[in-house]
Amino acid sequence: MAEEKDHNINVDQILDKVNDYFGFVPKIFQVLSENPPALKAFFDKAEFMMVDDSLPPLTKEFVSIGAAAALGSSHCLGTHLEVAREFGATDQQLLLAIIIGASITETTALSKSLRVYEDLIKR
């Protein structure tokens, strides 16, 4: 039954859509293509975000850059930097998106650490 469901999933069509958006097929989609149901589930979520026009595509890429920088995800960061550049981002904008994302990580670490510190000195 799972094999029948796999036949209804057009992996090539999904990968073509991914390529159209990113200009290439990121590794995560390449590997997931070996499991069509997993690829479809992941792609459906990604496609929703790619086609939703609540934010312009470049803004979505800046959000992705900040998140990738905050998480230290070099592969995601590289992907979204490339896509943002293709959408017209300047080097200054790319750098600022990285700095903002990294600053959130720093702020989170300080916030958690300073709460522990404050609890210690209040004893």
C-alpha atoms as a PDB file:
ATOM      1  CA  MET A   1       0.000   0.000   0.000  1.00  0.00           C
ATOM      2  CA  ALA A   2       2.856   2.414   0.796  1.00  0.00           C
ATOM      3  CA  GLU A   3       4.356   1.648  -2.611  1.00  0.00           C
ATOM      4  CA  GLU A   4       1.063   2.607  -4.288  1.00  0.00           C
ATOM      5  CA  LYS A   5       1.103   5.960  -2.487  1.00  0.00           C
ATOM      6  CA  ASP A   6       4.705   6.528  -3.605  1.00  0.00           C
ATOM      7  CA  HIS A   7       3.605   6.211  -7.239  1.00  0.00           C
ATOM      8  CA  ASN A   8       1.180   9.117  -6.799  1.00  0.00           C
ATOM      9  CA  ILE A   9       4.000  11.405  -5.674  1.00  0.00           C
ATOM     10  CA  ASN A  10       5.815  13.078  -8.552  1.00  0.00           C
ATOM     11  CA  VAL A  11       9.309  13.464  -7.122  1.00  0.00           C
ATOM     12  CA  ASP A  12      10.658  15.108 -10.281  1.00  0.00           C
ATOM     13  CA  GLN A  13       7.907  17.725 -10.220  1.00  0.00           C
ATOM     14  CA  ILE A  14       8.657  18.527  -6.571  1.00  0.00           C
ATOM     15  CA  LEU A  15      12.384  18.806  -7.246  1.00  0.00           C
ATOM     16  CA  ASP A  16      11.695  21.032 -10.273  1.00  0.00           C
ATOM     17  CA  LYS A  17       9.643  23.391  -8.086  1.00  0.00           C
ATOM     18  CA  VAL A  18      12.400  23.462  -5.482  1.00  0.00           C
ATOM     19  CA  ASN A  19      14.959  24.189  -8.196  1.00  0.00           C
ATOM     20  CA  ASP A  20      12.784  26.973  -9.595  1.00  0.00           C
ATOM     21  CA  TYR A  21      12.678  28.689  -6.192  1.00  0.00           C
ATOM     22  CA  PHE A  22      16.249  28.182  -4.967  1.00  0.00           C
ATOM     23  CA  GLY A  23      18.031  27.946  -8.307  1.00  0.00           C
ATOM     24  CA  PHE A  24      19.283  24.504  -7.260  1.00  0.00           C
ATOM     25  CA  VAL A  25      18.052  21.568  -5.188  1.00  0.00           C
ATOM     26  CA  PRO A  26      19.335  21.795  -1.598  1.00  0.00           C
ATOM     27  CA  LYS A  27      20.758  18.599  -0.096  1.00  0.00           C
ATOM     28  CA  ILE A  28      17.805  18.066   2.243  1.00  0.00           C
ATOM     29  CA  PHE A  29      15.437  17.739  -0.735  1.00  0.00           C
ATOM     30  CA  GLN A  30      17.917  15.520  -2.606  1.00  0.00           C
ATOM     31  CA  VAL A  31      18.129  13.048   0.271  1.00  0.00           C
ATOM     32  CA  LEU A  32      14.403  13.144   1.050  1.00  0.00           C
ATOM     33  CA  SER A  33      13.671  12.355  -2.611  1.00  0.00           C
ATOM     34  CA  GLU A  34      14.658   8.773  -1.769  1.00  0.00           C
ATOM     35  CA  ASN A  35      11.543   8.622   0.443  1.00  0.00           C
ATOM     36  CA  PRO A  36       8.737  10.213  -1.590  1.00  0.00           C
ATOM     37  CA  PRO A  37       6.183  10.491   1.263  1.00  0.00           C
ATOM     38  CA  ALA A  38       8.759  12.226   3.490  1.00  0.00           C
ATOM     39  CA  LEU A  39       9.770  14.501   0.598  1.00  0.00           C
ATOM     40  CA  LYS A  40       6.143  15.424  -0.069  1.00  0.00           C
ATOM     41  CA  ALA A  41       5.434  16.171   3.597  1.00  0.00           C
ATOM     42  CA  PHE A  42       8.511  18.390   3.907  1.00  0.00           C
ATOM     43  CA  PHE A  43       7.923  20.064   0.543  1.00  0.00           C
ATOM     44  CA  ASP A  44       4.252  20.818   1.224  1.00  0.00           C
ATOM     45  CA  LYS A  45       5.252  22.834   4.289  1.00  0.00           C
ATOM     46  CA  ALA A  46       8.103  24.556   2.451  1.00  0.00           C
ATOM     47  CA  GLU A  47       5.901  25.309  -0.566  1.00  0.00           C
ATOM     48  CA  PHE A  48       3.303  26.955   1.658  1.00  0.00           C
ATOM     49  CA  MET A  49       5.982  29.342   2.902  1.00  0.00           C
ATOM     50  CA  MET A  50       7.507  29.892  -0.557  1.00  0.00           C
ATOM     51  CA  VAL A  51       4.220  30.853  -2.224  1.00  0.00           C
ATOM     52  CA  ASP A  52       2.561  32.743   0.646  1.00  0.00           C
ATOM     53  CA  ASP A  53       2.773  36.413  -0.305  1.00  0.00           C
ATOM     54  CA  SER A  54       2.311  37.819   3.209  1.00  0.00           C
ATOM     55  CA  LEU A  55       6.024  38.650   3.085  1.00  0.00           C
ATOM     56  CA  PRO A  56       8.040  39.432  -0.026  1.00  0.00           C
ATOM     57  CA  PRO A  57      10.470  36.661  -1.062  1.00  0.00           C
ATOM     58  CA  LEU A  58      13.538  38.700  -0.096  1.00  0.00           C
ATOM     59  CA  THR A  59      12.128  39.369   3.375  1.00  0.00           C
ATOM     60  CA  LYS A  60      11.550  35.630   3.833  1.00  0.00           C
ATOM     61  CA  GLU A  61      15.158  35.053   2.892  1.00  0.00           C
ATOM     62  CA  PHE A  62      16.373  37.632   5.438  1.00  0.00           C
ATOM     63  CA  VAL A  63      14.326  35.841   8.126  1.00  0.00           C
ATOM     64  CA  SER A  64      15.849  32.533   7.018  1.00  0.00           C
ATOM     65  CA  ILE A  65      19.361  34.005   7.096  1.00  0.00           C
ATOM     66  CA  GLY A  66      18.855  35.330  10.617  1.00  0.00           C
ATOM     67  CA  ALA A  67      17.487  32.009  11.825  1.00  0.00           C
ATOM     68  CA  ALA A  68      20.288  30.029  10.180  1.00  0.00           C
ATOM     69  CA  ALA A  69      22.868  32.361  11.706  1.00  0.00           C
ATOM     70  CA  ALA A  70      21.251  32.032  15.141  1.00  0.00           C
ATOM     71  CA  LEU A  71      21.234  28.249  14.891  1.00  0.00           C
ATOM     72  CA  GLY A  72      24.736  28.022  13.457  1.00  0.00           C
ATOM     73  CA  SER A  73      23.438  26.137  10.437  1.00  0.00           C
ATOM     74  CA  SER A  74      26.113  26.781   7.824  1.00  0.00           C
ATOM     75  CA  HIS A  75      24.414  24.810   5.042  1.00  0.00           C
ATOM     76  CA  CYS A  76      21.092  26.625   5.486  1.00  0.00           C
ATOM     77  CA  LEU A  77      22.913  29.923   5.829  1.00  0.00           C
ATOM     78  CA  GLY A  78      24.798  29.378   2.585  1.00  0.00           C
ATOM     79  CA  THR A  79      21.631  28.389   0.746  1.00  0.00           C
ATOM     80  CA  HIS A  80      19.624  31.397   1.907  1.00  0.00           C
ATOM     81  CA  LEU A  81      22.496  33.838   1.352  1.00  0.00           C
ATOM     82  CA  GLU A  82      22.696  32.674  -2.267  1.00  0.00           C
ATOM     83  CA  VAL A  83      18.939  32.914  -2.795  1.00  0.00           C
ATOM     84  CA  ALA A  84      18.776  36.361  -1.170  1.00  0.00           C
ATOM     85  CA  ARG A  85      21.586  37.565  -3.403  1.00  0.00           C
ATOM     86  CA  GLU A  86      19.677  36.280  -6.447  1.00  0.00           C
ATOM     87  CA  PHE A  87      16.634  38.222  -5.193  1.00  0.00           C
ATOM     88  CA  GLY A  88      18.751  41.384  -5.139  1.00  0.00           C
ATOM     89  CA  ALA A  89      20.099  41.606  -1.594  1.00  0.00           C
ATOM     90  CA  THR A  90      23.197  43.705  -1.092  1.00  0.00           C
ATOM     91  CA  ASP A  91      26.230  42.496   0.834  1.00  0.00           C
ATOM     92  CA  GLN A  92      25.381  44.994   3.585  1.00  0.00           C
ATOM     93  CA  GLN A  93      21.851  43.583   3.897  1.00  0.00           C
ATOM     94  CA  LEU A  94      23.158  40.021   4.040  1.00  0.00           C
ATOM     95  CA  LEU A  95      25.651  40.925   6.746  1.00  0.00           C
ATOM     96  CA  LEU A  96      23.012  42.748   8.781  1.00  0.00           C
ATOM     97  CA  ALA A  97      20.669  39.740   8.616  1.00  0.00           C
ATOM     98  CA  ILE A  98      23.501  37.539   9.940  1.00  0.00           C
ATOM     99  CA  ILE A  99      24.341  40.009  12.705  1.00  0.00           C
ATOM    100  CA  ILE A 100      20.700  40.298  13.796  1.00  0.00           C
ATOM    101  CA  GLY A 101      20.295  36.514  13.924  1.00  0.00           C
ATOM    102  CA  ALA A 102      23.548  36.045  15.819  1.00  0.00           C
ATOM    103  CA  SER A 103      22.557  38.832  18.226  1.00  0.00           C
ATOM    104  CA  ILE A 104      19.380  36.954  19.127  1.00  0.00           C
ATOM    105  CA  THR A 105      21.489  33.935  20.049  1.00  0.00           C
ATOM    106  CA  GLU A 106      23.781  36.119  22.144  1.00  0.00           C
ATOM    107  CA  THR A 107      20.818  37.791  23.843  1.00  0.00           C
ATOM    108  CA  THR A 108      19.231  34.433  24.604  1.00  0.00           C
ATOM    109  CA  ALA A 109      22.452  33.124  26.161  1.00  0.00           C
ATOM    110  CA  LEU A 110      22.879  36.291  28.233  1.00  0.00           C
ATOM    111  CA  SER A 111      19.237  36.299  29.324  1.00  0.00           C
ATOM    112  CA  LYS A 112      19.385  32.706  30.554  1.00  0.00           C
ATOM    113  CA  SER A 113      22.815  33.082  32.130  1.00  0.00           C
ATOM    114  CA  LEU A 114      22.067  36.361  33.879  1.00  0.00           C
ATOM    115  CA  ARG A 115      18.903  34.898  35.415  1.00  0.00           C
ATOM    116  CA  VAL A 116      20.973  32.066  36.909  1.00  0.00           C
ATOM    117  CA  TYR A 117      23.550  34.612  38.073  1.00  0.00           C
ATOM    118  CA  GLU A 118      20.860  36.817  39.635  1.00  0.00           C
ATOM    119  CA  ASP A 119      19.338  33.832  41.450  1.00  0.00           C
ATOM    120  CA  LEU A 120      22.776  32.991  42.851  1.00  0.00           C
ATOM    121  CA  ILE A 121      23.588  36.470  44.151  1.00  0.00           C
ATOM    122  CA  LYS A 122      20.106  36.899  45.685  1.00  0.00           C
ATOM    123  CA  ARG A 123      20.642  33.896  47.992  1.00  0.00           C
END
